[in-house]
Amino acid sequence: MRILGLDVGEKRIGVAKVDSDTRIAVPVGFVLVDGSEWQEIAKLAELNNTSLFVLGLPRSNEGNETKQTLFVRQFAKNLLEKIPDAKIRFQDESLTSVEAESRLKKRKKKYEKGEIDAEAATIILQDFVENFKVADVRSEEGASDFSENTKKIAEKEAKKIALNAKKVGNQTKKISKFFVIPPILLVAILVSVTVTLKYRDYVRQQREEEYARQEAEMQAKTFDFTIRPGETIYDVKNNLLKVNRNGGVTDEELLPNYTESEIDAAFTADYDFDFLESRPEGATLEGYLYPETHNFYGESTVEEVLEVFLSEMGEVINDNNLEAVYAEHGLTLHEGITLASVVQKEASSLEQPTVAQVFLLRLDYGWRLGSDVTVTYALDAVDPKREIYADNQAALQIDSCYNTRLYAGLPCGPISNPGLNALLAVANPTDTAYLYFLTGDDGVMYYSYTEAEHNQNAYLHCQTLCNVSL
């Protein structure tokens, strides 16, 4: 049976696989955490014909659970919700990424961050396979998870254990003929052992209670804030209004802790990041708040929150050399991010490189992008309830620099905050020459070279979705 190992991180998830017969784990690659990770993991599971996952469970050097441990446990919970038939096992790990990077360095070949995650997943999965015991086979869950070959190996190990136990028993009998422990000494030994065990349990309990207290205290002082791929600046502002610093309350009880004036002031403030200089005068932070989840102290200002997401965006731009790569396509950094924001709203992560190709070719030809999502953004800015532009025919004529159905070229700025996949799709589009695309009613993306082919695709595959109100 095939098993998938996952090294779960906040940005990437390393993936490895192992066959329970060969018992040699090998790296598969990595999955980006951008909202599409569940779909990618499900595809990998289907491709490998398995529903069994081994997740690395981080521990401190002392063997205690950490905040990252809780993150992995929550990921496992979400994985079960997304893939109901998934079977999950945990493998304790500490400093696995350090060991993974050390291994890659010894190979003296250039490697990327994702390869470190994949190697870490391999280490985790190999440890799991090597530490697999007969007890796991006999357990209610483990009995159906592994091949007959693995069971035979475990049974063989069990026989060895039983044989060693028998030898120890025989040796004990021989020794007991020549050595008799006085009763009073035996009582003293038993009392000493009992006191030692109870003290050890007491210390462990005290340690667990202290950890729980510290964790509760930390939760009370911090809050999580998430920007998801495709969210607009208006979505971010509304979510900031719902930030709650007290913990343990329902969504209905959330109260705004930041005022609208505080949020507006933060979004118009000046931030000292070089990549922001490529924006035209008067541009907002739309498109520059990198989609990610971060923890903040309750006393954090809105500016401090935004600075974290801006700093993350700067790292992504520098790590992937986006400014130079976009220039190769004739785009400034701002234009590249703008196009990525459109690609983010138009397609899933798997389709984004081809959709980016369509738009880049249209720009080369001086055509209109013809993107409905840009029209929707323009409408949301001036008529969110669609009281003025009541039907699509009127909406498509909205006089806005964001309306790429009306005007050629890029919209005047980003229309969402693009994730890494979309940013890289614009940097590395597919090597195709399509000029049209549409998402069919079946969720499949259909591409074409001519308008006639495009109209035919719309007639055959897009009777409902192509007529949805903007």
Protein backbone atom coordinates (compact mmCIF):
# COMPACT_ATOMS: atom_id res chain seq x y z
CA MET A 1 0.00 0.00 0.00
CA ARG A 2 1.18 3.54 -0.77
CA ILE A 3 1.47 6.08 2.07
CA LEU A 4 1.89 9.86 1.72
CA GLY A 5 4.00 11.82 4.19
CA LEU A 6 3.35 15.54 4.76
CA ASP A 7 5.66 18.13 6.30
CA VAL A 8 3.09 20.82 7.09
CA GLY A 9 4.21 24.44 7.01
CA GLU A 10 2.44 27.78 6.83
CA LYS A 11 3.71 28.51 3.29
CA ARG A 12 4.40 25.09 1.80
CA ILE A 13 3.61 21.45 2.46
CA GLY A 14 6.39 18.98 1.66
CA VAL A 15 5.19 15.67 0.22
CA ALA A 16 6.83 12.23 0.20
CA LYS A 17 5.60 8.73 -0.54
CA VAL A 18 6.46 5.19 0.45
CA ASP A 19 5.30 1.74 -0.55
CA SER A 20 4.65 -0.44 2.49
CA ASP A 21 6.40 -3.34 0.74
CA THR A 22 9.67 -1.58 -0.16
CA ARG A 23 9.55 0.68 2.95
CA ILE A 24 11.82 3.29 1.31
CA ALA A 25 10.42 6.83 1.43
CA VAL A 26 11.07 9.13 -1.53
CA PRO A 27 10.29 12.85 -2.02
CA VAL A 28 7.39 13.81 -4.28
CA GLY A 29 7.54 17.59 -4.17
CA PHE A 30 5.63 20.31 -2.38
CA VAL A 31 2.24 22.01 -2.37
CA LEU A 32 1.80 25.74 -1.90
CA VAL A 33 -0.51 26.87 0.90
CA ASP A 34 -2.66 29.31 -1.06
CA GLY A 35 -6.19 27.95 -0.67
CA SER A 36 -5.83 25.26 -3.34
CA GLU A 37 -3.71 22.92 -1.18
CA TRP A 38 -6.65 20.64 -0.34
CA GLN A 39 -7.41 20.06 -4.01
CA GLU A 40 -3.74 19.35 -4.74
CA ILE A 41 -3.41 16.92 -1.81
CA ALA A 42 -6.61 15.12 -2.85
CA LYS A 43 -5.21 14.73 -6.38
CA LEU A 44 -1.95 13.32 -5.04
CA ALA A 45 -3.89 10.85 -2.89
CA GLU A 46 -5.96 9.78 -5.89
CA LEU A 47 -2.88 9.49 -8.10
CA ASN A 48 -1.16 7.27 -5.53
CA ASN A 49 -4.34 5.34 -4.76
CA THR A 50 -4.14 5.98 -1.03
CA SER A 51 -6.07 7.64 1.78
CA LEU A 52 -3.37 7.22 4.43
CA PHE A 53 -1.34 10.28 5.44
CA VAL A 54 1.54 10.58 7.90
CA LEU A 55 1.94 14.10 9.29
CA GLY A 56 5.09 15.31 11.01
CA LEU A 57 4.19 16.47 14.53
CA PRO A 58 6.73 19.08 15.71
CA ARG A 59 8.14 18.78 19.21
CA SER A 60 10.54 20.93 21.19
CA ASN A 61 13.99 19.59 22.07
CA GLU A 62 12.49 18.57 25.42
CA GLY A 63 9.76 16.60 23.66
CA ASN A 64 6.96 19.06 24.44
CA GLU A 65 4.29 20.22 22.03
CA THR A 66 4.68 23.70 20.59
CA LYS A 67 2.49 26.24 18.85
CA GLN A 68 3.47 24.63 15.53
CA THR A 69 2.19 21.32 16.92
CA LEU A 70 -1.23 22.88 17.38
CA PHE A 71 -1.03 24.24 13.83
CA VAL A 72 -0.41 20.71 12.47
CA ARG A 73 -3.23 19.25 14.56
CA GLN A 74 -5.61 21.89 13.18
CA PHE A 75 -4.38 21.09 9.66
CA ALA A 76 -5.16 17.42 10.29
CA LYS A 77 -8.67 18.36 11.41
CA ASN A 78 -9.18 20.41 8.25
CA LEU A 79 -7.78 17.59 6.11
CA LEU A 80 -10.38 15.21 7.51
CA GLU A 81 -13.10 17.72 6.67
CA LYS A 82 -11.82 18.12 3.10
CA ILE A 83 -11.06 14.40 2.56
CA PRO A 84 -13.54 12.51 4.81
CA ASP A 85 -12.08 9.05 4.10
CA ALA A 86 -8.53 10.12 4.98
CA LYS A 87 -6.64 8.15 7.63
CA ILE A 88 -4.09 10.24 9.51
CA ARG A 89 -1.09 9.17 11.57
CA PHE A 90 1.34 11.46 13.36
CA GLN A 91 5.12 11.04 13.55
CA ASP A 92 6.93 13.08 16.19
CA GLU A 93 9.71 15.19 14.70
CA SER A 94 12.16 17.87 15.78
CA LEU A 95 14.50 19.97 13.60
CA THR A 96 13.58 17.84 10.58
CA SER A 97 13.95 20.78 8.20
CA VAL A 98 17.49 21.38 9.48
CA GLU A 99 18.37 17.75 8.81
CA ALA A 100 16.72 17.92 5.38
CA GLU A 101 18.71 21.02 4.38
CA SER A 102 21.91 19.41 5.64
CA ARG A 103 21.27 16.40 3.40
CA LEU A 104 20.64 18.58 0.37
CA LYS A 105 23.80 20.58 0.99
CA LYS A 106 25.86 17.38 1.03
CA ARG A 107 24.62 16.59 -2.48
CA LYS A 108 26.30 19.81 -3.66
CA LYS A 109 23.46 20.69 -6.01
CA LYS A 110 21.35 23.84 -6.14
CA TYR A 111 18.03 23.40 -4.35
CA GLU A 112 14.93 25.46 -3.59
CA LYS A 113 12.96 25.90 -0.37
CA GLY A 114 10.28 23.51 -1.59
CA GLU A 115 12.86 20.74 -1.95
CA ILE A 116 13.77 21.16 1.72
CA ASP A 117 10.11 20.61 2.63
CA ALA A 118 9.90 17.53 0.41
CA GLU A 119 13.09 16.10 1.95
CA ALA A 120 11.73 16.82 5.44
CA ALA A 121 8.55 14.91 4.53
CA THR A 122 10.73 12.01 3.37
CA ILE A 123 12.57 11.92 6.70
CA ILE A 124 9.29 12.01 8.62
CA LEU A 125 7.79 9.22 6.53
CA GLN A 126 10.93 7.04 6.74
CA ASP A 127 10.98 7.42 10.53
CA PHE A 128 7.35 6.38 10.65
CA VAL A 129 7.96 3.28 8.56
CA GLU A 130 11.05 2.23 10.53
CA ASN A 131 9.34 2.75 13.90
CA PHE A 132 6.24 0.87 12.87
CA LYS A 133 5.48 -1.78 15.53
CA VAL A 134 3.37 -4.92 15.74
CA ALA A 135 1.05 -3.13 18.16
CA ASP A 136 0.06 -0.80 15.36
CA VAL A 137 -0.91 -3.74 13.18
CA ARG A 138 -3.04 -5.22 15.91
CA SER A 139 -4.79 -1.94 16.69
CA GLU A 140 -8.26 -1.35 15.36
CA GLU A 141 -7.14 1.39 12.96
CA GLY A 142 -3.78 -0.03 11.94
CA ALA A 143 -5.10 -3.43 10.95
CA SER A 144 -6.47 -2.24 7.64
CA ASP A 145 -3.76 0.27 6.80
CA PHE A 146 -0.81 -1.83 5.77
CA SER A 147 0.00 -4.67 3.43
CA GLU A 148 0.28 -8.35 4.34
CA ASN A 149 4.04 -8.11 3.87
CA THR A 150 4.28 -5.45 6.57
CA LYS A 151 2.18 -7.57 8.92
CA LYS A 152 4.55 -10.52 8.40
CA ILE A 153 7.52 -8.31 9.24
CA ALA A 154 5.79 -7.11 12.39
CA GLU A 155 4.83 -10.65 13.43
CA LYS A 156 8.44 -11.70 12.97
CA GLU A 157 9.52 -8.87 15.26
CA ALA A 158 6.94 -10.00 17.82
CA LYS A 159 8.33 -13.55 17.82
CA LYS A 160 11.82 -12.16 18.47
CA ILE A 161 10.51 -10.14 21.40
CA ALA A 162 8.72 -13.18 22.83
CA LEU A 163 11.86 -15.34 22.43
CA ASN A 164 14.04 -12.73 24.18
CA ALA A 165 11.49 -12.50 27.00
CA LYS A 166 11.63 -16.26 27.43
CA LYS A 167 15.43 -16.20 27.59
CA VAL A 168 15.34 -13.45 30.22
CA GLY A 169 12.82 -15.45 32.22
CA ASN A 170 15.02 -18.56 32.19
CA GLN A 171 18.06 -16.54 33.23
CA THR A 172 16.07 -15.01 36.09
CA LYS A 173 15.09 -18.45 37.35
CA LYS A 174 18.73 -19.54 37.37
CA ILE A 175 19.82 -16.42 39.24
CA SER A 176 17.02 -16.74 41.81
CA LYS A 177 18.41 -20.14 42.91
CA PHE A 178 21.55 -18.46 44.18
CA PHE A 179 20.24 -15.05 45.25
CA VAL A 180 17.29 -14.38 47.57
CA ILE A 181 16.24 -10.77 48.32
CA PRO A 182 15.41 -10.25 52.00
CA PRO A 183 11.72 -9.23 52.43
CA ILE A 184 12.50 -5.91 54.15
CA LEU A 185 14.90 -4.94 51.34
CA LEU A 186 12.30 -5.92 48.74
CA VAL A 187 9.71 -3.67 50.45
CA ALA A 188 12.19 -0.78 50.50
CA ILE A 189 12.90 -1.22 46.78
CA LEU A 190 9.19 -1.33 45.92
CA VAL A 191 8.50 1.80 47.98
CA SER A 192 11.41 3.61 46.32
CA VAL A 193 10.22 2.66 42.85
CA THR A 194 6.64 3.70 43.64
CA VAL A 195 7.73 7.09 45.00
CA THR A 196 9.94 7.66 41.96
CA LEU A 197 7.15 6.85 39.51
CA LYS A 198 4.65 9.06 41.33
CA TYR A 199 7.13 11.94 41.45
CA ARG A 200 7.78 11.52 37.72
CA ASP A 201 4.02 11.61 37.02
CA TYR A 202 3.69 14.67 39.26
CA VAL A 203 6.46 16.49 37.41
CA ARG A 204 4.92 15.57 34.04
CA GLN A 205 1.50 16.79 35.18
CA GLN A 206 2.96 20.06 36.45
CA ARG A 207 4.79 20.57 33.16
CA GLU A 208 1.62 19.93 31.13
CA GLU A 209 -0.41 22.31 33.30
CA GLU A 210 2.24 25.02 32.95
CA TYR A 211 2.29 24.56 29.17
CA ALA A 212 -1.51 24.76 29.04
CA ARG A 213 -1.44 27.92 31.17
CA GLN A 214 1.17 29.55 28.94
CA GLU A 215 -0.74 28.58 25.81
CA ALA A 216 -4.00 30.00 27.20
CA GLU A 217 -2.17 33.16 28.21
CA MET A 218 -0.67 33.49 24.74
CA GLN A 219 -4.06 32.93 23.09
CA ALA A 220 -5.53 35.72 25.22
CA LYS A 221 -2.81 38.14 24.12
CA THR A 222 -2.75 37.33 20.42
CA PHE A 223 -5.08 37.02 17.46
CA ASP A 224 -4.83 35.48 14.02
CA PHE A 225 -5.42 37.51 10.89
CA THR A 226 -5.67 36.00 7.44
CA ILE A 227 -5.62 37.52 3.97
CA ARG A 228 -6.74 34.93 1.41
CA PRO A 229 -5.73 34.83 -2.26
CA GLY A 230 -8.18 36.88 -4.32
CA GLU A 231 -9.46 39.03 -1.46
CA THR A 232 -9.73 42.70 -2.31
CA ILE A 233 -8.65 45.63 -0.20
CA TYR A 234 -12.31 46.09 0.78
CA ASP A 235 -12.46 42.50 2.07
CA VAL A 236 -9.35 43.12 4.14
CA LYS A 237 -10.81 46.31 5.63
CA ASN A 238 -14.04 44.55 6.58
CA ASN A 239 -12.13 41.67 8.17
CA LEU A 240 -10.06 44.10 10.21
CA LEU A 241 -13.27 45.54 11.61
CA LYS A 242 -14.09 42.06 12.94
CA VAL A 243 -10.74 41.45 14.64
CA ASN A 244 -11.31 40.15 18.17
CA ARG A 245 -8.60 40.18 20.82
CA ASN A 246 -10.41 38.41 23.68
CA GLY A 247 -10.57 34.79 22.30
CA GLY A 248 -13.15 32.06 22.79
CA VAL A 249 -16.17 33.84 21.30
CA THR A 250 -18.48 33.03 18.41
CA ASP A 251 -18.60 34.92 15.15
CA GLU A 252 -21.86 36.55 16.24
CA GLU A 253 -20.14 38.00 19.31
CA LEU A 254 -17.21 39.53 17.43
CA LEU A 255 -16.93 43.26 17.95
CA PRO A 256 -14.86 45.71 15.90
CA ASN A 257 -11.66 46.57 17.77
CA TYR A 258 -10.32 48.83 15.05
CA THR A 259 -12.32 51.84 13.97
CA GLU A 260 -12.93 52.68 10.32
CA SER A 261 -10.87 55.86 10.71
CA GLU A 262 -7.92 53.84 12.08
CA ILE A 263 -8.16 51.40 9.16
CA ASP A 264 -8.50 54.12 6.53
CA ALA A 265 -5.52 55.98 7.98
CA ALA A 266 -3.41 52.79 7.89
CA PHE A 267 -4.30 52.08 4.26
CA THR A 268 -3.25 55.58 3.19
CA ALA A 269 -0.09 55.75 5.30
CA ASP A 270 3.41 55.74 3.80
CA TYR A 271 5.35 52.48 4.16
CA ASP A 272 9.09 52.14 3.65
CA PHE A 273 9.27 49.30 1.13
CA ASP A 274 11.21 49.65 -2.13
CA PHE A 275 8.74 47.60 -4.19
CA LEU A 276 5.96 50.10 -3.45
CA GLU A 277 7.84 52.73 -5.42
CA SER A 278 6.79 51.09 -8.69
CA ARG A 279 3.17 52.08 -8.05
CA PRO A 280 1.75 55.02 -9.96
CA GLU A 281 0.85 58.13 -7.98
CA GLY A 282 -2.37 57.75 -6.02
CA ALA A 283 -2.32 53.92 -6.10
CA THR A 284 -3.66 52.04 -3.07
CA LEU A 285 -2.20 48.97 -1.34
CA GLU A 286 -4.48 46.77 -3.44
CA GLY A 287 -2.48 43.81 -4.70
CA TYR A 288 0.46 44.29 -2.31
CA LEU A 289 -0.87 42.60 0.82
CA TYR A 290 0.47 39.06 0.45
CA PRO A 291 -2.17 36.38 1.22
CA GLU A 292 -1.09 34.58 4.39
CA THR A 293 -2.06 33.96 8.02
CA HIS A 294 -0.09 35.66 10.80
CA ASN A 295 -0.34 36.00 14.57
CA PHE A 296 -0.39 39.43 16.18
CA TYR A 297 -0.36 40.72 19.72
CA GLY A 298 -3.62 42.32 20.80
CA GLU A 299 -1.95 45.70 21.10
CA SER A 300 -0.80 45.71 17.45
CA THR A 301 -1.89 48.71 15.42
CA VAL A 302 -3.43 48.41 11.96
CA GLU A 303 -0.19 49.79 10.49
CA GLU A 304 1.81 47.04 12.22
CA VAL A 305 -0.56 44.40 10.86
CA LEU A 306 -0.29 45.71 7.31
CA GLU A 307 3.50 46.00 7.56
CA VAL A 308 3.75 42.25 8.18
CA PHE A 309 1.83 41.43 5.01
CA LEU A 310 3.75 44.02 3.00
CA SER A 311 7.05 42.62 4.28
CA GLU A 312 5.93 39.14 3.21
CA MET A 313 5.16 40.48 -0.26
CA GLY A 314 8.63 41.98 -0.43
CA GLU A 315 10.19 38.59 0.35
CA VAL A 316 8.15 36.90 -2.37
CA ILE A 317 9.13 39.55 -4.92
CA ASN A 318 12.84 39.29 -4.05
CA ASP A 319 12.98 35.49 -3.67
CA ASN A 320 11.42 35.01 -7.12
CA ASN A 321 13.13 37.98 -8.82
CA LEU A 322 9.70 39.09 -10.02
CA GLU A 323 10.65 42.60 -11.11
CA ALA A 324 13.29 41.33 -13.55
CA VAL A 325 11.15 38.43 -14.80
CA TYR A 326 8.14 40.67 -15.40
CA ALA A 327 10.39 43.05 -17.32
CA GLU A 328 11.15 40.21 -19.75
CA HIS A 329 7.43 40.24 -20.60
CA GLY A 330 7.45 44.00 -21.04
CA LEU A 331 5.76 44.66 -17.69
CA THR A 332 6.73 46.79 -14.72
CA LEU A 333 6.44 45.23 -11.28
CA HIS A 334 3.14 47.06 -10.72
CA GLU A 335 1.80 45.88 -14.08
CA GLY A 336 2.85 42.30 -13.35
CA ILE A 337 1.09 42.34 -9.99
CA THR A 338 -1.96 43.92 -11.63
CA LEU A 339 -2.14 41.13 -14.22
CA ALA A 340 -1.58 38.50 -11.52
CA SER A 341 -4.54 39.92 -9.58
CA VAL A 342 -6.76 39.39 -12.63
CA VAL A 343 -5.42 35.87 -13.19
CA GLN A 344 -6.07 35.12 -9.50
CA LYS A 345 -9.77 35.97 -9.88
CA GLU A 346 -10.18 34.26 -13.26
CA ALA A 347 -8.79 30.77 -12.71
CA SER A 348 -7.78 28.01 -10.31
CA SER A 349 -4.09 27.55 -9.54
CA LEU A 350 -3.72 24.76 -12.11
CA GLU A 351 -5.14 26.90 -14.92
CA GLN A 352 -3.48 30.19 -13.99
CA PRO A 353 -0.31 29.81 -16.14
CA THR A 354 -2.39 29.26 -19.30
CA VAL A 355 -4.81 32.09 -18.49
CA ALA A 356 -1.77 34.34 -17.94
CA GLN A 357 -0.52 33.30 -21.39
CA VAL A 358 -3.84 34.34 -22.97
CA PHE A 359 -3.74 37.77 -21.36
CA LEU A 360 -0.06 38.37 -22.16
CA LEU A 361 -0.66 37.54 -25.82
CA ARG A 362 -3.67 39.83 -25.94
CA LEU A 363 -1.53 42.63 -24.50
CA ASP A 364 1.10 42.00 -27.16
CA TYR A 365 -1.57 42.29 -29.85
CA GLY A 366 -3.00 45.47 -28.31
CA TRP A 367 -6.33 43.75 -27.72
CA ARG A 368 -8.72 44.26 -24.84
CA LEU A 369 -8.29 41.68 -22.08
CA GLY A 370 -12.07 41.22 -22.00
CA SER A 371 -12.07 40.11 -18.36
CA ASP A 372 -15.42 40.15 -16.58
CA VAL A 373 -13.77 40.10 -13.14
CA THR A 374 -12.31 43.54 -13.82
CA VAL A 375 -15.79 44.82 -14.66
CA THR A 376 -17.09 43.36 -11.40
CA TYR A 377 -14.36 45.19 -9.48
CA ALA A 378 -15.31 48.46 -11.15
CA LEU A 379 -18.98 47.90 -10.29
CA ASP A 380 -18.25 47.02 -6.66
CA ALA A 381 -16.44 50.33 -6.23
CA VAL A 382 -19.38 52.54 -7.34
CA ASP A 383 -22.50 50.37 -7.32
CA PRO A 384 -22.06 47.37 -4.94
CA LYS A 385 -25.82 46.70 -4.72
CA ARG A 386 -26.28 46.98 -8.50
CA GLU A 387 -28.88 49.70 -8.19
CA ILE A 388 -27.46 51.74 -11.08
CA TYR A 389 -26.18 48.97 -13.34
CA ALA A 390 -29.07 46.55 -13.00
CA ASP A 391 -28.22 44.22 -15.92
CA ASN A 392 -25.07 42.91 -17.60
CA GLN A 393 -25.56 44.92 -20.76
CA ALA A 394 -25.45 48.15 -18.78
CA ALA A 395 -22.67 46.89 -16.50
CA LEU A 396 -20.35 46.12 -19.41
CA GLN A 397 -20.53 49.78 -20.45
CA ILE A 398 -19.41 51.20 -17.09
CA ASP A 399 -16.92 53.98 -17.80
CA SER A 400 -14.01 52.88 -15.63
CA CYS A 401 -10.31 52.37 -16.19
CA TYR A 402 -10.87 48.93 -14.66
CA ASN A 403 -13.29 47.91 -17.41
CA THR A 404 -11.15 45.74 -19.70
CA ARG A 405 -14.20 44.82 -21.73
CA LEU A 406 -14.37 48.47 -22.80
CA TYR A 407 -10.73 49.60 -22.82
CA ALA A 408 -7.59 47.91 -24.14
CA GLY A 409 -4.60 47.14 -21.96
CA LEU A 410 -4.38 46.39 -18.25
CA PRO A 411 -6.79 47.80 -15.69
CA CYS A 412 -5.41 50.85 -13.88
CA GLY A 413 -4.41 48.78 -10.86
CA PRO A 414 -4.71 45.38 -9.16
CA ILE A 415 -8.23 44.08 -8.49
CA SER A 416 -7.27 41.66 -5.69
CA ASN A 417 -4.35 40.45 -3.63
CA PRO A 418 -2.81 37.66 -5.73
CA GLY A 419 -1.26 34.54 -4.22
CA LEU A 420 2.10 33.04 -5.12
CA ASN A 421 0.68 30.79 -7.86
CA ALA A 422 -0.84 33.72 -9.72
CA LEU A 423 2.29 35.86 -9.32
CA LEU A 424 4.43 33.04 -10.71
CA ALA A 425 1.91 32.29 -13.48
CA VAL A 426 2.50 35.74 -14.95
CA ALA A 427 6.24 35.26 -14.58
CA ASN A 428 6.18 31.79 -16.18
CA PRO A 429 3.11 31.38 -18.43
CA THR A 430 2.55 28.20 -20.42
CA ASP A 431 4.11 27.84 -23.85
CA THR A 432 0.82 28.00 -25.76
CA ALA A 433 -0.84 30.50 -28.09
CA TYR A 434 -4.48 30.64 -27.03
CA LEU A 435 -6.41 33.88 -27.36
CA TYR A 436 -9.67 32.95 -25.66
CA PHE A 437 -10.83 30.99 -22.62
CA LEU A 438 -13.97 30.40 -20.59
CA THR A 439 -15.00 28.35 -17.58
CA GLY A 440 -17.77 25.93 -18.52
CA ASP A 441 -20.81 25.03 -16.48
CA ASP A 442 -18.98 21.80 -15.60
CA GLY A 443 -16.11 23.75 -14.05
CA VAL A 444 -13.70 22.86 -16.85
CA MET A 445 -11.63 25.58 -18.54
CA TYR A 446 -12.02 25.68 -22.33
CA TYR A 447 -9.40 27.39 -24.51
CA SER A 448 -9.53 28.40 -28.17
CA TYR A 449 -7.50 30.16 -30.85
CA THR A 450 -10.30 31.97 -32.70
CA GLU A 451 -13.46 33.86 -31.79
CA ALA A 452 -15.52 31.31 -33.72
CA GLU A 453 -14.09 28.47 -31.61
CA HIS A 454 -14.69 30.53 -28.48
CA ASN A 455 -18.35 31.13 -29.38
CA GLN A 456 -18.76 27.43 -30.07
CA ASN A 457 -17.32 26.58 -26.65
CA ALA A 458 -19.72 29.05 -25.04
CA TYR A 459 -22.67 27.47 -26.87
CA LEU A 460 -21.67 23.93 -25.95
CA HIS A 461 -20.35 24.38 -22.42
CA CYS A 462 -21.42 27.71 -20.91
CA GLN A 463 -25.17 28.25 -21.06
CA THR A 464 -25.55 29.12 -17.39
CA LEU A 465 -22.24 30.44 -16.04
CA CYS A 466 -21.64 32.80 -18.96
CA ASN A 467 -24.91 34.57 -18.17
CA VAL A 468 -24.44 35.08 -14.44
CA SER A 469 -24.92 38.66 -13.29
CA LEU A 470 -21.72 40.64 -12.89
